[in-house]
Protein backbone atom coordinates (compact mmCIF):
# COMPACT_ATOMS: atom_id res chain seq x y z
CA MET A 1 108.64 98.88 87.93
CA LEU A 2 106.88 98.03 84.71
CA ASN A 3 108.18 95.23 82.51
CA ILE A 4 109.96 96.33 79.33
CA LYS A 5 108.34 93.42 77.42
CA LEU A 6 104.87 94.74 78.30
CA LEU A 7 105.86 98.21 77.15
CA ARG A 8 107.32 96.83 73.93
CA ASP A 9 104.43 94.49 73.11
CA ASN A 10 101.47 96.68 74.10
CA PRO A 11 102.42 100.36 74.59
CA ALA A 12 98.84 101.54 73.85
CA PHE A 13 97.45 99.38 76.62
CA VAL A 14 100.00 100.72 79.14
CA ALA A 15 99.21 104.33 78.16
CA GLU A 16 95.47 103.64 78.42
CA ARG A 17 95.71 102.08 81.88
CA LEU A 18 97.99 104.81 83.26
CA ALA A 19 95.51 107.40 82.00
CA VAL A 20 93.13 106.00 84.69
CA LYS A 21 95.68 107.35 87.17
CA ASN A 22 95.61 110.66 85.29
CA PHE A 23 99.17 110.02 84.17
CA ASP A 24 100.00 110.89 80.54
CA ALA A 25 102.63 108.28 79.67
CA LYS A 26 102.67 108.57 75.87
CA GLU A 27 105.83 110.71 75.56
CA ILE A 28 107.80 108.70 78.10
CA ILE A 29 106.73 105.41 76.42
CA GLU A 30 107.87 106.69 73.02
CA LYS A 31 111.28 107.58 74.46
CA ILE A 32 111.48 104.17 76.15
CA LEU A 33 110.72 102.29 72.95
CA ASP A 34 113.22 104.39 70.99
CA LEU A 35 115.94 103.69 73.53
CA ASP A 36 114.98 100.01 73.65
CA VAL A 37 115.54 99.73 69.86
CA LYS A 38 118.90 101.52 70.12
CA ARG A 39 119.94 99.30 73.05
CA ARG A 40 119.03 96.09 71.28
CA ASN A 41 120.69 97.16 68.03
CA SER A 42 123.80 98.12 69.94
CA GLN A 43 123.78 94.83 71.82
CA THR A 44 123.29 92.88 68.57
CA GLU A 45 126.22 94.67 66.97
CA ALA A 46 128.33 94.02 70.07
CA ASP A 47 127.45 90.33 70.01
CA THR A 48 128.36 90.10 66.28
CA ILE A 49 131.71 91.75 66.84
CA LEU A 50 132.44 89.50 69.84
CA ALA A 51 131.69 86.44 67.74
CA GLU A 52 134.04 87.68 65.02
CA GLN A 53 136.70 88.51 67.61
CA ASN A 54 136.51 84.96 69.09
CA SER A 55 136.62 83.41 65.62
CA ILE A 56 139.72 85.39 64.59
CA SER A 57 141.42 84.66 67.95
CA ARG A 58 141.05 80.96 67.31
CA GLU A 59 142.47 81.46 63.81
CA VAL A 60 145.53 83.25 65.28
CA GLY A 61 146.54 80.13 67.13
CA LYS A 62 146.17 77.97 64.05
CA LEU A 63 148.22 80.42 61.92
CA MET A 64 151.00 80.55 64.50
CA LYS A 65 151.03 76.71 64.67
CA ASP A 66 151.31 76.55 60.86
CA GLY A 67 154.17 79.09 60.85
CA ASN A 68 152.19 81.89 59.15
CA LYS A 69 153.48 84.59 61.50
CA ALA A 70 152.77 87.53 59.16
CA GLU A 71 149.15 86.58 58.72
CA ALA A 72 148.92 85.90 62.48
CA GLU A 73 150.15 89.44 63.26
CA ILE A 74 147.56 90.91 60.86
CA ALA A 75 144.89 88.83 62.57
CA LYS A 76 146.08 90.00 66.01
CA GLU A 77 145.80 93.64 64.88
CA ARG A 78 142.21 92.94 63.74
CA VAL A 79 141.43 91.33 67.14
CA ALA A 80 142.78 94.44 68.88
CA GLN A 81 140.64 96.70 66.72
CA LEU A 82 137.56 94.56 67.42
CA LYS A 83 138.27 94.69 71.17
CA GLU A 84 138.29 98.47 71.12
CA LEU A 85 135.09 98.57 69.07
CA SER A 86 133.53 96.03 71.40
CA LYS A 87 134.34 98.20 74.42
CA GLU A 88 132.76 101.21 72.76
CA LEU A 89 129.60 99.28 71.94
CA GLU A 90 129.40 97.79 75.47
CA SER A 91 129.69 101.31 76.89
CA LYS A 92 127.03 102.63 74.55
CA THR A 93 124.73 99.66 75.32
CA GLU A 94 125.16 100.26 79.05
CA GLU A 95 124.41 103.96 78.56
CA TYR A 96 121.20 103.11 76.68
CA SER A 97 120.24 100.60 79.39
CA ASN A 98 120.73 103.17 82.19
CA GLU A 99 118.70 105.81 80.37
CA LEU A 100 116.03 103.21 79.66
CA ASN A 101 115.88 102.19 83.31
CA GLU A 102 115.65 105.78 84.53
CA LEU A 103 112.65 106.40 82.24
CA ILE A 104 110.85 103.20 83.24
CA LEU A 105 111.24 104.22 86.92
CA LEU A 106 109.16 107.32 86.12
CA LEU A 107 106.12 105.25 85.17
CA PRO A 108 103.55 104.39 87.87
CA ASN A 109 102.12 100.94 88.39
CA LEU A 110 99.16 99.98 86.20
CA PRO A 111 95.86 100.17 88.07
CA HIS A 112 93.81 96.99 88.40
CA ILE A 113 90.92 96.72 85.97
CA SER A 114 88.44 97.22 88.81
CA VAL A 115 89.88 100.61 89.80
CA PRO A 116 87.22 103.32 89.23
CA ALA A 117 88.02 106.32 87.11
CA GLY A 118 88.29 109.62 88.93
CA LYS A 119 90.62 112.46 89.81
CA THR A 120 89.97 113.39 93.45
CA PRO A 121 89.07 111.71 96.75
CA GLU A 122 85.47 112.66 96.07
CA ASP A 123 85.50 110.06 93.28
CA ASN A 124 86.45 107.16 95.59
CA LEU A 125 83.83 104.41 96.07
CA ILE A 126 82.48 103.63 99.52
CA VAL A 127 82.56 99.82 99.82
CA ARG A 128 81.07 99.42 103.29
CA GLY A 129 81.20 100.80 106.79
CA GLY A 130 80.32 100.12 110.41
CA GLY A 131 79.79 101.58 113.84
CA GLU A 132 77.61 104.47 114.89
CA ILE A 133 78.62 108.12 114.86
CA PRO A 134 78.32 109.31 118.48
CA LYS A 135 76.25 112.32 119.43
CA LEU A 136 78.49 114.39 121.65
CA GLU A 137 77.25 116.61 124.42
CA TYR A 138 80.64 118.29 124.40
CA GLY A 139 82.21 118.40 120.92
CA ILE A 140 85.75 119.34 121.97
CA PRO A 141 88.48 118.64 119.36
CA HIS A 142 91.29 116.40 120.37
CA TRP A 143 93.95 119.13 120.46
CA ASP A 144 91.95 120.93 123.18
CA LEU A 145 91.29 117.67 125.01
CA ALA A 146 95.02 116.89 124.90
CA LYS A 147 95.78 120.23 126.57
CA ARG A 148 92.95 119.90 129.12
CA TYR A 149 94.15 116.48 130.33
CA ASP A 150 97.86 117.19 129.77
CA ILE A 151 98.41 114.09 127.60
CA ILE A 152 99.92 115.58 124.40
CA ASP A 153 102.05 118.71 124.27
CA PHE A 154 102.15 120.19 120.79
CA ASP A 155 103.96 123.39 121.88
CA LEU A 156 106.74 121.42 123.55
CA GLY A 157 107.19 119.48 120.31
CA VAL A 158 107.63 122.76 118.47
CA LYS A 159 110.26 123.83 121.00
CA LEU A 160 112.19 120.57 120.73
CA THR A 161 111.97 120.08 116.96
CA GLY A 162 109.18 121.88 115.11
CA ALA A 163 105.52 121.66 114.15
CA GLY A 164 104.34 118.10 113.56
CA PHE A 165 106.47 116.51 116.31
CA PRO A 166 104.20 116.22 119.38
CA VAL A 167 105.29 115.07 122.83
CA TYR A 168 103.01 112.42 124.42
CA LYS A 169 102.84 112.59 128.23
CA GLY A 170 101.48 110.45 131.04
CA LYS A 171 98.32 108.62 129.98
CA GLY A 172 98.82 109.96 126.46
CA ALA A 173 102.12 108.06 126.20
CA LYS A 174 100.59 104.98 127.81
CA ILE A 175 97.63 104.82 125.42
CA GLN A 176 100.08 105.16 122.51
CA ARG A 177 102.00 102.18 123.83
CA ALA A 178 98.73 100.30 124.45
CA LEU A 179 97.62 100.82 120.84
CA ILE A 180 100.94 99.61 119.46
CA SER A 181 100.89 96.47 121.63
CA TYR A 182 97.26 95.75 120.79
CA PHE A 183 97.81 96.11 117.05
CA LEU A 184 100.92 93.91 117.10
CA ASP A 185 99.13 91.26 119.18
CA ARG A 186 96.23 91.18 116.76
CA ASN A 187 98.59 90.88 113.80
CA THR A 188 100.68 88.10 115.26
CA GLU A 189 97.50 86.23 116.23
CA ALA A 190 96.57 86.43 112.52
CA GLY A 191 99.83 84.70 111.55
CA TYR A 192 102.12 87.67 110.93
CA THR A 193 105.70 87.39 112.19
CA GLU A 194 106.85 90.46 114.12
CA VAL A 195 110.13 92.10 113.17
CA GLN A 196 111.82 95.26 114.36
CA PRO A 197 113.55 96.84 111.31
CA PRO A 198 115.95 99.81 111.02
CA LEU A 199 114.43 103.31 110.92
CA MET A 200 116.82 104.40 108.18
CA VAL A 201 117.29 102.76 104.78
CA ASN A 202 119.70 103.12 101.91
CA GLU A 203 118.88 104.32 98.40
CA ALA A 204 118.46 100.80 97.04
CA SER A 205 115.68 100.13 99.57
CA GLY A 206 113.91 103.37 98.62
CA TYR A 207 114.01 102.41 94.92
CA GLY A 208 112.97 98.83 95.73
CA THR A 209 109.56 99.73 97.13
CA GLY A 210 108.98 102.75 94.88
CA GLN A 211 109.45 105.66 97.29
CA LEU A 212 112.37 106.75 95.12
CA PRO A 213 112.41 108.61 92.86
CA ASP A 214 108.69 109.42 93.09
CA LYS A 215 108.47 110.56 96.72
CA GLY A 216 112.09 111.58 97.37
CA GLU A 217 111.16 115.15 98.25
CA GLN A 218 108.77 113.92 100.98
CA MET A 219 111.46 111.83 102.73
CA TYR A 220 113.97 113.04 105.30
CA HIS A 221 117.44 112.52 103.85
CA VAL A 222 120.55 112.04 105.98
CA GLY A 223 122.98 113.50 103.48
CA LEU A 224 126.28 112.58 105.07
CA ASP A 225 125.53 108.84 104.90
CA ASN A 226 123.00 108.99 102.06
CA PHE A 227 120.33 107.28 104.20
CA TYR A 228 116.61 108.04 104.32
CA LEU A 229 114.40 108.05 107.43
CA ILE A 230 111.62 105.59 106.68
CA PRO A 231 108.14 107.00 105.73
CA THR A 232 106.61 103.60 106.61
CA ALA A 233 107.76 100.18 107.87
CA GLU A 234 106.73 98.86 104.44
CA VAL A 235 110.10 100.02 103.09
CA PRO A 236 112.56 98.09 105.32
CA VAL A 237 110.21 95.10 105.79
CA THR A 238 109.57 94.50 102.07
CA ASN A 239 113.25 95.03 101.31
CA ILE A 240 114.12 92.12 103.60
CA TYR A 241 113.21 90.05 100.52
CA ARG A 242 115.16 92.09 97.97
CA ASP A 243 117.23 89.76 95.72
CA VAL A 244 115.59 86.73 97.34
CA ILE A 245 114.19 83.69 95.53
CA LEU A 246 111.48 82.02 97.60
CA SER A 247 110.14 78.51 97.24
CA MET A 248 106.43 77.85 96.75
CA SER A 249 106.25 76.53 100.34
CA ASP A 250 107.64 79.80 101.72
CA MET A 251 104.56 81.73 100.62
CA PRO A 252 102.62 83.53 101.75
CA VAL A 253 105.23 85.54 103.70
CA LYS A 254 103.41 87.52 106.41
CA VAL A 255 105.33 90.12 108.43
CA THR A 256 104.26 92.86 110.87
CA ALA A 257 106.34 95.68 112.36
CA TYR A 258 105.93 98.72 114.54
CA THR A 259 108.07 101.77 113.67
CA PRO A 260 107.99 105.52 114.00
CA CYS A 261 107.49 107.00 110.55
CA PHE A 262 108.92 110.24 109.14
CA ARG A 263 107.35 112.33 106.40
CA ARG A 264 108.14 115.89 105.43
CA GLU A 265 104.58 116.45 104.13
CA ALA A 266 105.73 119.57 102.27
CA GLY A 267 102.98 122.01 101.45
CA SER A 268 100.56 120.74 104.14
CA TYR A 269 98.87 123.65 105.93
CA GLY A 270 95.51 124.71 107.34
CA LYS A 271 92.87 123.41 109.70
CA ASP A 272 92.85 119.88 108.22
CA VAL A 273 96.40 119.30 109.53
CA ARG A 274 95.85 120.61 113.05
CA GLY A 275 96.71 118.52 116.07
CA LEU A 276 97.24 114.84 115.25
CA ASN A 277 95.65 115.11 111.80
CA ARG A 278 99.01 115.31 109.98
CA LEU A 279 102.41 114.84 111.59
CA HIS A 280 106.04 114.70 110.45
CA GLN A 281 106.77 111.89 112.91
CA PHE A 282 104.14 109.35 113.89
CA ASP A 283 103.81 105.75 115.05
CA LYS A 284 102.40 103.03 112.84
CA VAL A 285 102.02 99.28 112.82
CA GLU A 286 102.33 97.72 109.35
CA ILE A 287 101.49 94.36 107.77
CA VAL A 288 103.26 93.10 104.66
CA GLN A 289 102.63 89.99 102.54
CA VAL A 290 104.57 88.36 99.73
CA CYS A 291 102.50 85.79 97.90
CA HIS A 292 101.84 83.85 94.71
CA PRO A 293 100.35 86.00 91.94
CA ASP A 294 97.26 83.74 91.70
CA LYS A 295 96.46 84.35 95.36
CA SER A 296 97.29 88.04 95.86
CA TYR A 297 93.77 89.42 95.48
CA ASP A 298 92.43 86.85 97.95
CA ALA A 299 95.24 87.97 100.25
CA LEU A 300 94.21 91.60 99.75
CA GLU A 301 90.63 90.89 100.79
CA GLN A 302 91.89 88.99 103.83
CA MET A 303 94.09 91.91 104.84
CA VAL A 304 91.16 94.33 104.44
CA SER A 305 88.96 92.09 106.63
CA HIS A 306 91.72 91.86 109.22
CA VAL A 307 92.17 95.62 109.44
CA GLU A 308 88.41 96.04 109.55
CA SER A 309 88.16 93.72 112.55
CA ILE A 310 90.70 95.82 114.46
CA VAL A 311 89.04 99.15 113.66
CA SER A 312 85.64 97.69 114.57
CA SER A 313 86.98 96.34 117.90
CA LEU A 314 87.93 99.91 118.93
CA GLY A 315 84.29 100.94 118.66
CA LEU A 316 85.00 103.64 116.10
CA PRO A 317 82.62 104.54 113.23
CA TYR A 318 84.47 103.60 110.02
CA ARG A 319 84.11 103.27 106.29
CA ILE A 320 86.16 101.46 103.62
CA LEU A 321 86.83 103.13 100.29
CA LYS A 322 88.09 101.75 97.01
CA LEU A 323 90.37 104.46 95.65
CA CYS A 324 89.85 105.90 92.22
CA GLY A 325 92.76 106.11 89.79
CA GLY A 326 93.55 109.72 90.52
CA ASP A 327 93.79 109.17 94.31
CA MET A 328 96.00 106.08 94.18
CA SER A 329 99.64 105.94 94.99
CA PHE A 330 102.44 105.68 92.40
CA THR A 331 103.11 102.04 93.28
CA SER A 332 99.65 100.57 93.88
CA ALA A 333 97.55 98.42 91.57
CA LEU A 334 94.52 98.50 93.89
CA THR A 335 94.05 100.27 97.22
CA TYR A 336 91.42 100.28 99.94
CA ASP A 337 91.46 103.15 102.42
CA PHE A 338 90.00 103.05 105.93
CA GLU A 339 88.55 106.18 107.47
CA VAL A 340 87.21 106.73 110.98
CA TYR A 341 84.78 109.45 111.90
CA SER A 342 86.09 112.29 114.06
CA ALA A 343 82.99 113.38 115.95
CA ALA A 344 84.27 116.70 117.29
CA GLN A 345 85.73 117.72 113.94
CA GLY A 346 82.76 116.38 111.99
CA ARG A 347 84.90 114.74 109.36
CA TRP A 348 86.35 111.41 108.20
CA LEU A 349 90.04 110.75 108.89
CA GLU A 350 92.15 108.24 106.94
CA VAL A 351 93.80 105.71 109.23
CA SER A 352 94.88 102.91 106.89
CA SER A 353 95.63 102.01 103.31
CA VAL A 354 95.74 98.40 102.20
CA SER A 355 97.27 97.81 98.76
CA ASN A 356 98.24 95.18 96.25
CA PHE A 357 101.32 96.15 94.21
CA GLU A 358 101.27 92.99 92.07
CA THR A 359 104.80 92.69 90.49
CA PHE A 360 105.61 96.42 90.51
CA GLN A 361 107.77 96.28 93.68
CA SER A 362 109.06 92.73 93.16
CA ASN A 363 110.39 93.64 89.70
CA ARG A 364 112.43 96.45 91.29
CA LEU A 365 113.41 94.21 94.23
CA LYS A 366 114.19 91.13 92.10
CA LEU A 367 111.93 89.30 94.55
CA ARG A 368 111.04 85.98 92.99
CA TYR A 369 109.83 82.48 93.70
CA LYS A 370 110.46 79.18 91.95
CA ASP A 371 107.38 77.82 90.18
CA GLU A 372 106.45 74.11 89.84
CA ASN A 373 109.09 73.77 87.07
CA GLY A 374 111.81 75.43 89.16
CA LYS A 375 111.72 78.57 87.02
CA PRO A 376 112.02 81.94 88.84
CA GLN A 377 108.88 84.12 88.64
CA LEU A 378 108.06 87.51 90.13
CA ALA A 379 106.04 87.36 93.36
CA HIS A 380 103.27 89.78 94.34
CA THR A 381 103.68 92.16 97.30
CA LEU A 382 101.02 93.74 99.49
CA ASN A 383 100.99 95.95 102.53
CA GLY A 384 98.62 97.74 104.87
CA SER A 385 98.54 100.05 107.88
CA SER A 386 97.37 98.05 110.86
CA LEU A 387 97.13 100.79 112.03
CA ALA A 388 98.48 104.37 111.88
CA LEU A 389 98.14 105.77 115.39
CA PRO A 390 97.65 109.55 115.26
CA ARG A 391 94.19 109.77 113.76
CA ILE A 392 93.07 106.63 115.55
CA LEU A 393 94.01 108.32 118.82
CA ALA A 394 92.39 111.58 117.69
CA ALA A 395 89.11 109.73 117.02
CA ILE A 396 89.27 107.85 120.34
CA LEU A 397 89.85 111.10 122.28
CA GLU A 398 86.98 112.88 120.53
CA ASN A 399 84.46 110.05 120.24
CA TYR A 400 84.95 108.72 123.77
CA GLN A 401 84.90 112.11 125.56
CA THR A 402 82.44 112.62 128.45
CA ALA A 403 81.80 115.43 130.84
CA ASP A 404 84.28 114.07 133.37
CA GLY A 405 86.95 112.52 131.16
CA ILE A 406 87.75 110.32 128.20
CA GLU A 407 86.71 106.66 128.33
CA VAL A 408 89.21 104.04 127.09
CA PRO A 409 87.98 101.50 124.52
CA GLU A 410 87.30 98.15 126.22
CA VAL A 411 89.92 96.22 124.24
CA LEU A 412 92.68 98.61 125.38
CA LYS A 413 92.03 98.55 129.11
CA GLN A 414 94.18 95.48 129.74
CA TYR A 415 97.05 97.30 127.99
CA THR A 416 96.63 100.76 129.53
CA GLY A 417 96.00 99.72 133.13
CA PHE A 418 93.36 102.48 133.38
CA SER A 419 89.82 102.89 132.06
CA LYS A 420 89.60 106.66 131.86
CA ILE A 421 91.73 109.70 131.11
CA ASP A 422 90.78 112.40 133.60
């Protein structure tokens, strides 16, 4: 959530930066500033009346002590009138504050100054890459390989739930488990503490990390209890620190978690979402950091390097992109995407996003730390996929296929217990 002081002091700057995200904020900012003036005027008037009320209340006691009962009664009536007026002003101030907060929640995070301008994924900048694109003798897509080797049943998933809910079987289930264990081990070796969070969160958690209200329509809602199935482990993990004040020595906080993730992905159709390319339920391992503002961009680069080392170890061709303003998320200040090459499909598949949110989430979460003077300050939050499994598995199945089966990447063999899917 953006800071009201920034909006008040430099509205033109905020509008200019949000335009990089192709977000026209001028009208909303005008409404916010208008409400802010009304709220402050109402609060000032309420404070003035309260001061008068307190002053007269003290006078009542003095009048009663001096035997001036008639004047005391008049003063009491005035106090009663001021109390009613004070309640009205408090109610109006609260109403202005709520409206103001609702409008501020509609504004995305400001993009970092290094974010390139652009509107579509084609405008993203390729930072670097690695690995070699394999030349396949048999370019069979993963959904056909899954059927041939009976490792993923998409039709059974449709029967049990619907499209986008595959059933992993036999070696397909084992390689899923192997990937999860491998990713978690790599993360904990890098200093991340593993947690196992709930798969449902309350509304406050959704607002805390910025999924609500922006992405509410993409989340599965459990209406009876007003819970949301998590779209990513980022939501419950980051909310662990909601309403928390850390000490300088606590940072950086580094947490990793494996969870299934649930996304409605409304409006997603066509060949680009076939097979494992886009699912409503999928497995993902996440990394989250909470750190000092002065160190968050160093932390971001460290997280990018860490994810890169994992992708590289799987032997998959990859590239890292710096996202342009128009392709960034609502909450991010700067995002790097990882893509792996799907040899049979002849296309790049996104498998990770690593982002710095600066104070955008921590302002919503009231996540702070005490500085050298003991004064609470907003921390910076970051997160990254390390990694999302479906497209990683799709790339492994396609890129490692041979005439007599699918080879298993070397680093996974100790986890799978087998070296080939045949």
